[in-house]
Amino acid sequence: MRRRDFFSHSAAAAFVPWRHFAIQPAMPLHTAPIPSTGERIARVGLGTWSTFDVGDDRTKRAELLETLRAFQRAGSSVIDTSPMYGSSESVLGDLLGPAGLTTSRFLATKVWTQGETAGIAQMNESLRKLRTDKVDLMQIHNLVDWQVHLRTLRQCKEQGRIRYLGITHYQASAADAVIRILQREPVDFLQFNLSLDEPEAAGRVLKICADRGVAFIANRPFGGGGSFGRVRGKPLPSWAAEQGIGSWAAFMLKWVLSHPEVTCAIPGTSNPRHLADNLDAARGAIPDGTTQARMAAYWKAR
């Protein structure tokens, strides 16, 4: 199979799927508009950091294929990856077709290197690994050489090689830098950390996104996974059921989604049952401001 990349052609190899796993959604997932266009995307997607870095391990790839098929059947769309994530781009690219996600997806990746030439080469390589001639969202990973790459991404967007462009970071200490960029530069997306353990973005960062019409993708919604250690073996508060919350994952994600500026959260998992749990946070009631504050206070007291 051949396909066009940013500036050249290349080929990729196929992967044989293992078996099928299906999750039938009880109700549709909540969606949110991308401010720059109004296009709607599901409010919970899928991150690939660590979980998709499995190389050629066929057993782990088989579980990931189940997870992606469940993701497709549930009606979600946003899948986020990066050349920084080891073999994740290649693994994802091999599995998208067998999972039925060749079109019904919103594919996001990143550029993470210094210099224009190196950035173009890295983006071409990402397209080769992902088996596509364009991605929905190309992001500048952790603001690395952002001035240079932003010029390239604008050219690529004008030429139709990407649909949206954005910037990312995963540490609250980068908030000031992110805000300065958003004040000066028109971008479609910001990806930044937001969780009950890392709530700092819920202030100035979300406000600048709302003011500037920038979609917000919440990474690390489980605090990089560490949040589960705080509540392992502990029961949910009795009032959680009133919000349709049946797990700690849903508790954490519902809190993230309770901020209306959040377009999408991207928890990572390789487990289709954990995926189903995560996606359930994008169904049913979304906490209002009062419940959001109650959830934060309860979490802080843990």
C-alpha atoms as a PDB file:
ATOM      1  CA  MET A   1       0.000   0.000   0.000  1.00  0.00           C
ATOM      2  CA  ARG A   2       1.356   3.386  -0.980  1.00  0.00           C
ATOM      3  CA  ARG A   3       0.316   6.771   0.267  1.00  0.00           C
ATOM      4  CA  ARG A   4       1.415  10.383   0.116  1.00  0.00           C
ATOM      5  CA  ASP A   5       3.245  11.952   3.062  1.00  0.00           C
ATOM      6  CA  PHE A   6       4.152  15.612   3.573  1.00  0.00           C
ATOM      7  CA  PHE A   7       6.703  15.812   0.754  1.00  0.00           C
ATOM      8  CA  SER A   8       7.348  12.279  -0.557  1.00  0.00           C
ATOM      9  CA  HIS A   9       6.000   8.727  -0.970  1.00  0.00           C
ATOM     10  CA  SER A  10       6.704   5.596   1.066  1.00  0.00           C
ATOM     11  CA  ALA A  11       5.202   2.182   1.867  1.00  0.00           C
ATOM     12  CA  ALA A  12       4.126   0.390   5.047  1.00  0.00           C
ATOM     13  CA  ALA A  13       3.529  -3.232   6.069  1.00  0.00           C
ATOM     14  CA  ALA A  14       0.302  -4.903   7.199  1.00  0.00           C
ATOM     15  CA  PHE A  15      -0.657  -6.514  10.499  1.00  0.00           C
ATOM     16  CA  VAL A  16      -3.009  -9.481  10.773  1.00  0.00           C
ATOM     17  CA  PRO A  17      -5.763  -8.969  13.392  1.00  0.00           C
ATOM     18  CA  TRP A  18      -6.375 -11.531  16.133  1.00  0.00           C
ATOM     19  CA  ARG A  19      -9.984 -11.559  17.369  1.00  0.00           C
ATOM     20  CA  HIS A  20     -12.950  -9.240  17.849  1.00  0.00           C
ATOM     21  CA  PHE A  21     -14.129  -7.551  21.023  1.00  0.00           C
ATOM     22  CA  ALA A  22     -17.229  -5.348  20.994  1.00  0.00           C
ATOM     23  CA  ILE A  23     -18.690  -2.855  23.419  1.00  0.00           C
ATOM     24  CA  GLN A  24     -22.189  -1.670  22.739  1.00  0.00           C
ATOM     25  CA  PRO A  25     -22.698   1.835  24.131  1.00  0.00           C
ATOM     26  CA  ALA A  26     -25.722   2.350  26.354  1.00  0.00           C
ATOM     27  CA  MET A  27     -26.102   5.868  24.967  1.00  0.00           C
ATOM     28  CA  PRO A  28     -24.150   8.175  22.644  1.00  0.00           C
ATOM     29  CA  LEU A  29     -21.003   9.840  23.879  1.00  0.00           C
ATOM     30  CA  HIS A  30     -21.118  13.533  24.658  1.00  0.00           C
ATOM     31  CA  THR A  31     -19.396  15.651  22.027  1.00  0.00           C
ATOM     32  CA  ALA A  32     -17.970  19.163  22.052  1.00  0.00           C
ATOM     33  CA  PRO A  33     -17.264  21.624  19.235  1.00  0.00           C
ATOM     34  CA  ILE A  34     -13.806  22.589  18.069  1.00  0.00           C
ATOM     35  CA  PRO A  35     -14.059  26.379  18.441  1.00  0.00           C
ATOM     36  CA  SER A  36     -12.215  27.266  15.222  1.00  0.00           C
ATOM     37  CA  THR A  37     -14.619  25.297  12.991  1.00  0.00           C
ATOM     38  CA  GLY A  38     -17.583  24.010  15.006  1.00  0.00           C
ATOM     39  CA  GLU A  39     -16.741  20.395  14.136  1.00  0.00           C
ATOM     40  CA  ARG A  40     -17.772  18.150  17.029  1.00  0.00           C
ATOM     41  CA  ILE A  41     -15.621  15.418  18.567  1.00  0.00           C
ATOM     42  CA  ALA A  42     -16.265  12.947  21.395  1.00  0.00           C
ATOM     43  CA  ARG A  43     -15.299  14.308  24.803  1.00  0.00           C
ATOM     44  CA  VAL A  44     -13.279  11.225  25.771  1.00  0.00           C
ATOM     45  CA  GLY A  45     -10.699   9.850  23.377  1.00  0.00           C
ATOM     46  CA  LEU A  46      -7.622   7.645  23.687  1.00  0.00           C
ATOM     47  CA  GLY A  47      -3.998   8.419  24.498  1.00  0.00           C
ATOM     48  CA  THR A  48      -1.198   6.094  23.403  1.00  0.00           C
ATOM     49  CA  TRP A  49       1.723   7.069  25.638  1.00  0.00           C
ATOM     50  CA  SER A  50       3.274   3.901  27.125  1.00  0.00           C
ATOM     51  CA  THR A  51       0.236   1.704  26.395  1.00  0.00           C
ATOM     52  CA  PHE A  52       0.880   1.420  22.630  1.00  0.00           C
ATOM     53  CA  ASP A  53       4.663   1.128  22.914  1.00  0.00           C
ATOM     54  CA  VAL A  54       4.594  -2.658  22.497  1.00  0.00           C
ATOM     55  CA  GLY A  55       6.779  -3.192  19.429  1.00  0.00           C
ATOM     56  CA  ASP A  56       6.129  -6.529  17.695  1.00  0.00           C
ATOM     57  CA  ASP A  57       4.627  -8.270  20.731  1.00  0.00           C
ATOM     58  CA  ARG A  58       1.672 -10.081  19.137  1.00  0.00           C
ATOM     59  CA  THR A  59      -0.177 -10.750  22.384  1.00  0.00           C
ATOM     60  CA  LYS A  60      -0.093  -7.095  23.400  1.00  0.00           C
ATOM     61  CA  ARG A  61      -0.985  -6.001  19.868  1.00  0.00           C
ATOM     62  CA  ALA A  62      -3.994  -8.317  19.952  1.00  0.00           C
ATOM     63  CA  GLU A  63      -5.277  -6.662  23.130  1.00  0.00           C
ATOM     64  CA  LEU A  64      -4.738  -3.227  21.594  1.00  0.00           C
ATOM     65  CA  LEU A  65      -6.695  -4.298  18.523  1.00  0.00           C
ATOM     66  CA  GLU A  66      -9.601  -5.296  20.774  1.00  0.00           C
ATOM     67  CA  THR A  67      -9.358  -1.926  22.474  1.00  0.00           C
ATOM     68  CA  LEU A  68      -9.399   0.004  19.182  1.00  0.00           C
ATOM     69  CA  ARG A  69     -12.338  -2.015  17.889  1.00  0.00           C
ATOM     70  CA  ALA A  70     -14.232  -1.256  21.086  1.00  0.00           C
ATOM     71  CA  PHE A  71     -13.289   2.406  20.681  1.00  0.00           C
ATOM     72  CA  GLN A  72     -14.658   2.431  17.130  1.00  0.00           C
ATOM     73  CA  ARG A  73     -17.903   0.698  18.036  1.00  0.00           C
ATOM     74  CA  ALA A  74     -18.487   3.058  20.940  1.00  0.00           C
ATOM     75  CA  GLY A  75     -18.371   6.014  18.543  1.00  0.00           C
ATOM     76  CA  SER A  76     -15.311   7.801  19.878  1.00  0.00           C
ATOM     77  CA  SER A  77     -12.776   9.387  17.555  1.00  0.00           C
ATOM     78  CA  VAL A  78      -9.777  11.241  19.038  1.00  0.00           C
ATOM     79  CA  ILE A  79      -6.582   9.159  19.177  1.00  0.00           C
ATOM     80  CA  ASP A  80      -3.427  10.967  20.263  1.00  0.00           C
ATOM     81  CA  THR A  81       0.133   9.778  19.713  1.00  0.00           C
ATOM     82  CA  SER A  82       3.657  11.103  19.225  1.00  0.00           C
ATOM     83  CA  PRO A  83       7.077  10.136  17.818  1.00  0.00           C
ATOM     84  CA  MET A  84       8.234  10.477  21.440  1.00  0.00           C
ATOM     85  CA  TYR A  85       6.164   7.410  22.413  1.00  0.00           C
ATOM     86  CA  GLY A  86       8.518   4.675  21.233  1.00  0.00           C
ATOM     87  CA  SER A  87       6.808   2.275  18.813  1.00  0.00           C
ATOM     88  CA  SER A  88       3.322   3.719  19.450  1.00  0.00           C
ATOM     89  CA  GLU A  89       2.908   5.410  16.060  1.00  0.00           C
ATOM     90  CA  SER A  90       3.913   2.259  14.165  1.00  0.00           C
ATOM     91  CA  VAL A  91       1.715   0.006  16.285  1.00  0.00           C
ATOM     92  CA  LEU A  92      -1.234   2.348  15.934  1.00  0.00           C
ATOM     93  CA  GLY A  93      -0.733   2.638  12.192  1.00  0.00           C
ATOM     94  CA  ASP A  94      -0.696  -1.144  11.816  1.00  0.00           C
ATOM     95  CA  LEU A  95      -3.908  -1.565  13.813  1.00  0.00           C
ATOM     96  CA  LEU A  96      -6.121   1.281  12.569  1.00  0.00           C
ATOM     97  CA  GLY A  97      -7.205  -0.597   9.446  1.00  0.00           C
ATOM     98  CA  PRO A  98      -8.037  -3.923  11.122  1.00  0.00           C
ATOM     99  CA  ALA A  99      -9.899  -1.968  13.827  1.00  0.00           C
ATOM    100  CA  GLY A 100     -12.117  -0.234  11.259  1.00  0.00           C
ATOM    101  CA  LEU A 101     -10.673   3.184  12.055  1.00  0.00           C
ATOM    102  CA  THR A 102      -9.414   4.186   8.623  1.00  0.00           C
ATOM    103  CA  THR A 103     -11.962   7.021   8.361  1.00  0.00           C
ATOM    104  CA  SER A 104     -13.994   7.175  11.600  1.00  0.00           C
ATOM    105  CA  ARG A 105     -11.213   8.671  13.639  1.00  0.00           C
ATOM    106  CA  PHE A 106      -9.651  11.997  14.607  1.00  0.00           C
ATOM    107  CA  LEU A 107      -5.933  11.283  14.463  1.00  0.00           C
ATOM    108  CA  ALA A 108      -3.494  13.528  16.327  1.00  0.00           C
ATOM    109  CA  THR A 109       0.271  13.311  16.508  1.00  0.00           C
ATOM    110  CA  LYS A 110       3.169  15.677  17.178  1.00  0.00           C
ATOM    111  CA  VAL A 111       6.487  17.087  16.032  1.00  0.00           C
ATOM    112  CA  TRP A 112       9.241  16.808  18.634  1.00  0.00           C
ATOM    113  CA  THR A 113      12.636  17.883  17.376  1.00  0.00           C
ATOM    114  CA  GLN A 114      14.808  20.931  16.646  1.00  0.00           C
ATOM    115  CA  GLY A 115      14.922  22.681  13.268  1.00  0.00           C
ATOM    116  CA  GLU A 116      12.718  23.010  10.200  1.00  0.00           C
ATOM    117  CA  THR A 117      14.324  20.241   8.142  1.00  0.00           C
ATOM    118  CA  ALA A 118      14.352  17.775  11.017  1.00  0.00           C
ATOM    119  CA  GLY A 119      10.752  18.671  11.842  1.00  0.00           C
ATOM    120  CA  ILE A 120       9.559  18.024   8.297  1.00  0.00           C
ATOM    121  CA  ALA A 121      11.435  14.721   8.218  1.00  0.00           C
ATOM    122  CA  GLN A 122       9.932  13.661  11.522  1.00  0.00           C
ATOM    123  CA  MET A 123       6.401  14.504  10.395  1.00  0.00           C
ATOM    124  CA  ASN A 124       6.922  12.558   7.167  1.00  0.00           C
ATOM    125  CA  GLU A 125       8.079   9.595   9.218  1.00  0.00           C
ATOM    126  CA  SER A 126       5.014   9.872  11.462  1.00  0.00           C
ATOM    127  CA  LEU A 127       2.748   9.751   8.413  1.00  0.00           C
ATOM    128  CA  ARG A 128       4.602   6.696   7.121  1.00  0.00           C
ATOM    129  CA  LYS A 129       4.221   4.909  10.445  1.00  0.00           C
ATOM    130  CA  LEU A 130       0.567   5.897  10.766  1.00  0.00           C
ATOM    131  CA  ARG A 131      -0.153   4.751   7.180  1.00  0.00           C
ATOM    132  CA  THR A 132      -1.859   7.971   6.175  1.00  0.00           C
ATOM    133  CA  ASP A 133      -1.319  10.941   3.892  1.00  0.00           C
ATOM    134  CA  LYS A 134      -2.698  13.476   6.388  1.00  0.00           C
ATOM    135  CA  VAL A 135      -3.568  13.812  10.049  1.00  0.00           C
ATOM    136  CA  ASP A 136      -6.390  15.714  11.642  1.00  0.00           C
ATOM    137  CA  LEU A 137      -4.193  17.449  14.222  1.00  0.00           C
ATOM    138  CA  MET A 138      -0.450  18.077  14.248  1.00  0.00           C
ATOM    139  CA  GLN A 139       0.892  19.454  17.530  1.00  0.00           C
ATOM    140  CA  ILE A 140       4.212  20.899  18.657  1.00  0.00           C
ATOM    141  CA  HIS A 141       5.212  18.549  21.461  1.00  0.00           C
ATOM    142  CA  ASN A 142       6.152  20.283  24.718  1.00  0.00           C
ATOM    143  CA  LEU A 143       6.743  23.558  22.822  1.00  0.00           C
ATOM    144  CA  VAL A 144      10.037  22.246  21.379  1.00  0.00           C
ATOM    145  CA  ASP A 145      11.282  24.820  18.801  1.00  0.00           C
ATOM    146  CA  TRP A 146       7.706  26.014  18.510  1.00  0.00           C
ATOM    147  CA  GLN A 147       8.379  29.183  16.499  1.00  0.00           C
ATOM    148  CA  VAL A 148      10.008  27.202  13.682  1.00  0.00           C
ATOM    149  CA  HIS A 149       7.492  24.369  13.629  1.00  0.00           C
ATOM    150  CA  LEU A 150       4.496  26.683  13.819  1.00  0.00           C
ATOM    151  CA  ARG A 151       5.512  28.231  10.474  1.00  0.00           C
ATOM    152  CA  THR A 152       5.749  24.772   8.927  1.00  0.00           C
ATOM    153  CA  LEU A 153       2.398  23.690  10.355  1.00  0.00           C
ATOM    154  CA  ARG A 154       0.663  26.758   8.973  1.00  0.00           C
ATOM    155  CA  GLN A 155       2.010  25.950   5.523  1.00  0.00           C
ATOM    156  CA  CYS A 156       0.891  22.340   5.862  1.00  0.00           C
ATOM    157  CA  LYS A 157      -2.573  23.437   6.939  1.00  0.00           C
ATOM    158  CA  GLU A 158      -2.887  25.785   3.965  1.00  0.00           C
ATOM    159  CA  GLN A 159      -1.868  22.904   1.682  1.00  0.00           C
ATOM    160  CA  GLY A 160      -4.417  20.529   3.255  1.00  0.00           C
ATOM    161  CA  ARG A 161      -1.847  18.143   4.747  1.00  0.00           C
ATOM    162  CA  ILE A 162      -3.178  18.721   8.247  1.00  0.00           C
ATOM    163  CA  ARG A 163      -6.607  19.920   9.319  1.00  0.00           C
ATOM    164  CA  TYR A 164      -5.712  21.531  12.644  1.00  0.00           C
ATOM    165  CA  LEU A 165      -2.552  22.669  14.421  1.00  0.00           C
ATOM    166  CA  GLY A 166      -1.771  22.970  18.098  1.00  0.00           C
ATOM    167  CA  ILE A 167       0.757  23.045  20.914  1.00  0.00           C
ATOM    168  CA  THR A 168       1.205  20.751  23.913  1.00  0.00           C
ATOM    169  CA  HIS A 169       2.759  20.443  27.323  1.00  0.00           C
ATOM    170  CA  TYR A 170       2.281  18.158  30.317  1.00  0.00           C
ATOM    171  CA  GLN A 171       3.572  20.219  33.242  1.00  0.00           C
ATOM    172  CA  ALA A 172       1.777  22.994  35.113  1.00  0.00           C
ATOM    173  CA  SER A 173       5.067  24.909  35.269  1.00  0.00           C
ATOM    174  CA  ALA A 174       4.701  25.572  31.515  1.00  0.00           C
ATOM    175  CA  ALA A 175       1.428  27.463  31.969  1.00  0.00           C
ATOM    176  CA  ASP A 176       2.964  30.922  31.626  1.00  0.00           C
ATOM    177  CA  ALA A 177       4.753  29.975  28.403  1.00  0.00           C
ATOM    178  CA  VAL A 178       1.592  28.411  26.990  1.00  0.00           C
ATOM    179  CA  ILE A 179      -0.476  31.469  27.832  1.00  0.00           C
ATOM    180  CA  ARG A 180       2.030  33.814  26.172  1.00  0.00           C
ATOM    181  CA  ILE A 181       1.897  31.763  22.975  1.00  0.00           C
ATOM    182  CA  LEU A 182      -1.897  31.653  22.939  1.00  0.00           C
ATOM    183  CA  GLN A 183      -2.047  35.416  23.435  1.00  0.00           C
ATOM    184  CA  ARG A 184       0.168  35.974  20.387  1.00  0.00           C
ATOM    185  CA  GLU A 185      -0.453  33.113  17.978  1.00  0.00           C
ATOM    186  CA  PRO A 186      -3.643  31.685  16.474  1.00  0.00           C
ATOM    187  CA  VAL A 187      -3.749  27.917  17.060  1.00  0.00           C
ATOM    188  CA  ASP A 188      -6.631  25.465  16.955  1.00  0.00           C
ATOM    189  CA  PHE A 189      -5.725  23.246  19.932  1.00  0.00           C
ATOM    190  CA  LEU A 190      -3.888  23.250  23.223  1.00  0.00           C
ATOM    191  CA  GLN A 191      -3.108  19.928  24.881  1.00  0.00           C
ATOM    192  CA  PHE A 192      -2.241  20.321  28.578  1.00  0.00           C
ATOM    193  CA  ASN A 193      -2.402  18.368  31.813  1.00  0.00           C
ATOM    194  CA  LEU A 194      -5.573  18.565  33.876  1.00  0.00           C
ATOM    195  CA  SER A 195      -6.658  16.225  36.656  1.00  0.00           C
ATOM    196  CA  LEU A 196      -7.811  16.216  40.257  1.00  0.00           C
ATOM    197  CA  ASP A 197      -4.144  15.757  41.208  1.00  0.00           C
ATOM    198  CA  GLU A 198      -2.978  18.440  38.749  1.00  0.00           C
ATOM    199  CA  PRO A 199      -5.822  20.983  38.656  1.00  0.00           C
ATOM    200  CA  GLU A 200      -3.795  24.102  37.891  1.00  0.00           C
ATOM    201  CA  ALA A 201      -4.991  24.447  34.284  1.00  0.00           C
ATOM    202  CA  ALA A 202      -8.548  24.936  35.535  1.00  0.00           C
ATOM    203  CA  GLY A 203      -7.694  28.605  36.112  1.00  0.00           C
ATOM    204  CA  ARG A 204      -5.865  30.841  33.666  1.00  0.00           C
ATOM    205  CA  VAL A 205      -5.120  28.200  31.039  1.00  0.00           C
ATOM    206  CA  LEU A 206      -8.741  27.217  30.434  1.00  0.00           C
ATOM    207  CA  LYS A 207      -9.755  30.880  30.483  1.00  0.00           C
ATOM    208  CA  ILE A 208      -7.295  31.859  27.743  1.00  0.00           C
ATOM    209  CA  CYS A 209      -8.520  28.924  25.649  1.00  0.00           C
ATOM    210  CA  ALA A 210     -12.107  30.108  26.025  1.00  0.00           C
ATOM    211  CA  ASP A 211     -11.154  33.711  25.268  1.00  0.00           C
ATOM    212  CA  ARG A 212      -9.084  32.809  22.213  1.00  0.00           C
ATOM    213  CA  GLY A 213     -11.347  30.093  20.796  1.00  0.00           C
ATOM    214  CA  VAL A 214      -8.845  27.265  21.308  1.00  0.00           C
ATOM    215  CA  ALA A 215      -9.910  23.650  21.791  1.00  0.00           C
ATOM    216  CA  PHE A 216      -8.505  22.079  24.967  1.00  0.00           C
ATOM    217  CA  ILE A 217      -7.348  18.455  25.136  1.00  0.00           C
ATOM    218  CA  ALA A 218      -6.772  17.257  28.702  1.00  0.00           C
ATOM    219  CA  ASN A 219      -3.799  14.938  28.994  1.00  0.00           C
ATOM    220  CA  ARG A 220      -2.831  13.058  32.177  1.00  0.00           C
ATOM    221  CA  PRO A 221      -6.476  13.032  33.404  1.00  0.00           C
ATOM    222  CA  PHE A 222      -5.442  10.347  35.911  1.00  0.00           C
ATOM    223  CA  GLY A 223      -2.354  12.279  37.003  1.00  0.00           C
ATOM    224  CA  GLY A 224      -0.149  10.055  34.875  1.00  0.00           C
ATOM    225  CA  GLY A 225      -1.778   7.021  36.498  1.00  0.00           C
ATOM    226  CA  GLY A 226      -0.703   7.944  40.011  1.00  0.00           C
ATOM    227  CA  SER A 227      -4.160   9.113  41.020  1.00  0.00           C
ATOM    228  CA  PHE A 228      -5.402   5.543  41.282  1.00  0.00           C
ATOM    229  CA  GLY A 229      -2.901   4.841  44.051  1.00  0.00           C
ATOM    230  CA  ARG A 230      -4.679   7.333  46.296  1.00  0.00           C
ATOM    231  CA  VAL A 231      -8.030   5.555  46.084  1.00  0.00           C
ATOM    232  CA  ARG A 232      -7.176   1.908  45.466  1.00  0.00           C
ATOM    233  CA  GLY A 233      -9.407  -0.255  47.607  1.00  0.00           C
ATOM    234  CA  LYS A 234     -11.468   2.699  48.801  1.00  0.00           C
ATOM    235  CA  PRO A 235     -15.201   3.055  48.101  1.00  0.00           C
ATOM    236  CA  LEU A 236     -16.655   5.886  46.071  1.00  0.00           C
ATOM    237  CA  PRO A 237     -18.572   8.527  48.011  1.00  0.00           C
ATOM    238  CA  SER A 238     -22.222   7.592  48.407  1.00  0.00           C
ATOM    239  CA  TRP A 239     -23.345  10.598  46.371  1.00  0.00           C
ATOM    240  CA  ALA A 240     -21.287   9.592  43.296  1.00  0.00           C
ATOM    241  CA  ALA A 241     -24.121   7.409  42.028  1.00  0.00           C
ATOM    242  CA  GLU A 242     -26.277  10.517  41.657  1.00  0.00           C
ATOM    243  CA  GLN A 243     -23.901  11.590  38.881  1.00  0.00           C
ATOM    244  CA  GLY A 244     -23.898   8.177  37.232  1.00  0.00           C
ATOM    245  CA  ILE A 245     -20.379   7.532  38.530  1.00  0.00           C
ATOM    246  CA  GLY A 246     -19.587   3.879  39.079  1.00  0.00           C
ATOM    247  CA  SER A 247     -15.778   3.873  39.230  1.00  0.00           C
ATOM    248  CA  TRP A 248     -12.852   6.026  40.266  1.00  0.00           C
ATOM    249  CA  ALA A 249     -11.877   6.422  36.611  1.00  0.00           C
ATOM    250  CA  ALA A 250     -15.299   7.879  35.872  1.00  0.00           C
ATOM    251  CA  PHE A 251     -15.044  10.095  38.975  1.00  0.00           C
ATOM    252  CA  MET A 252     -11.750  11.576  37.773  1.00  0.00           C
ATOM    253  CA  LEU A 253     -12.855  11.978  34.170  1.00  0.00           C
ATOM    254  CA  LYS A 254     -16.263  13.445  35.045  1.00  0.00           C
ATOM    255  CA  TRP A 255     -14.454  16.116  37.056  1.00  0.00           C
ATOM    256  CA  VAL A 256     -12.263  16.959  34.058  1.00  0.00           C
ATOM    257  CA  LEU A 257     -15.278  17.085  31.727  1.00  0.00           C
ATOM    258  CA  SER A 258     -17.202  19.269  34.189  1.00  0.00           C
ATOM    259  CA  HIS A 259     -15.082  22.166  32.906  1.00  0.00           C
ATOM    260  CA  PRO A 260     -16.981  23.311  29.797  1.00  0.00           C
ATOM    261  CA  GLU A 261     -13.761  24.588  28.196  1.00  0.00           C
ATOM    262  CA  VAL A 262     -12.451  21.011  27.982  1.00  0.00           C
ATOM    263  CA  THR A 263     -13.087  19.694  24.502  1.00  0.00           C
ATOM    264  CA  CYS A 264     -11.710  16.195  25.027  1.00  0.00           C
ATOM    265  CA  ALA A 265      -9.793  14.124  27.588  1.00  0.00           C
ATOM    266  CA  ILE A 266      -7.376  11.430  26.401  1.00  0.00           C
ATOM    267  CA  PRO A 267      -6.797   8.741  29.053  1.00  0.00           C
ATOM    268  CA  GLY A 268      -4.495   5.982  27.885  1.00  0.00           C
ATOM    269  CA  THR A 269      -5.259   2.284  28.166  1.00  0.00           C
ATOM    270  CA  SER A 270      -4.543  -1.008  26.427  1.00  0.00           C
ATOM    271  CA  ASN A 271      -7.458  -2.760  28.124  1.00  0.00           C
ATOM    272  CA  PRO A 272     -10.857  -2.767  26.347  1.00  0.00           C
ATOM    273  CA  ARG A 273     -12.746  -3.011  29.647  1.00  0.00           C
ATOM    274  CA  HIS A 274     -10.875  -0.044  31.065  1.00  0.00           C
ATOM    275  CA  LEU A 275     -11.651   1.771  27.822  1.00  0.00           C
ATOM    276  CA  ALA A 276     -15.363   1.112  28.316  1.00  0.00           C
ATOM    277  CA  ASP A 277     -15.125   2.508  31.828  1.00  0.00           C
ATOM    278  CA  ASN A 278     -13.331   5.610  30.567  1.00  0.00           C
ATOM    279  CA  LEU A 279     -15.825   6.238  27.784  1.00  0.00           C
ATOM    280  CA  ASP A 280     -18.740   5.953  30.203  1.00  0.00           C
ATOM    281  CA  ALA A 281     -17.564   9.251  31.693  1.00  0.00           C
ATOM    282  CA  ALA A 282     -18.681  10.886  28.439  1.00  0.00           C
ATOM    283  CA  ARG A 283     -22.216   9.587  28.873  1.00  0.00           C
ATOM    284  CA  GLY A 284     -25.008  10.688  31.164  1.00  0.00           C
ATOM    285  CA  ALA A 285     -24.844  13.611  33.581  1.00  0.00           C
ATOM    286  CA  ILE A 286     -21.880  15.982  33.582  1.00  0.00           C
ATOM    287  CA  PRO A 287     -21.285  17.556  37.010  1.00  0.00           C
ATOM    288  CA  ASP A 288     -22.338  21.169  37.447  1.00  0.00           C
ATOM    289  CA  GLY A 289     -20.202  23.759  39.205  1.00  0.00           C
ATOM    290  CA  THR A 290     -21.439  22.858  42.664  1.00  0.00           C
ATOM    291  CA  THR A 291     -20.765  19.159  42.181  1.00  0.00           C
ATOM    292  CA  GLN A 292     -17.400  19.923  40.576  1.00  0.00           C
ATOM    293  CA  ALA A 293     -16.333  21.782  43.726  1.00  0.00           C
ATOM    294  CA  ARG A 294     -17.673  18.970  45.910  1.00  0.00           C
ATOM    295  CA  MET A 295     -15.657  16.410  43.963  1.00  0.00           C
ATOM    296  CA  ALA A 296     -12.479  18.476  44.247  1.00  0.00           C
ATOM    297  CA  ALA A 297     -12.942  18.953  48.000  1.00  0.00           C
ATOM    298  CA  TYR A 298     -13.591  15.241  48.499  1.00  0.00           C
ATOM    299  CA  TRP A 299     -10.484  14.360  46.499  1.00  0.00           C
ATOM    300  CA  LYS A 300      -8.295  16.827  48.377  1.00  0.00           C
ATOM    301  CA  ALA A 301      -9.357  15.227  51.655  1.00  0.00           C
ATOM    302  CA  ARG A 302      -8.246  11.748  50.555  1.00  0.00           C
END
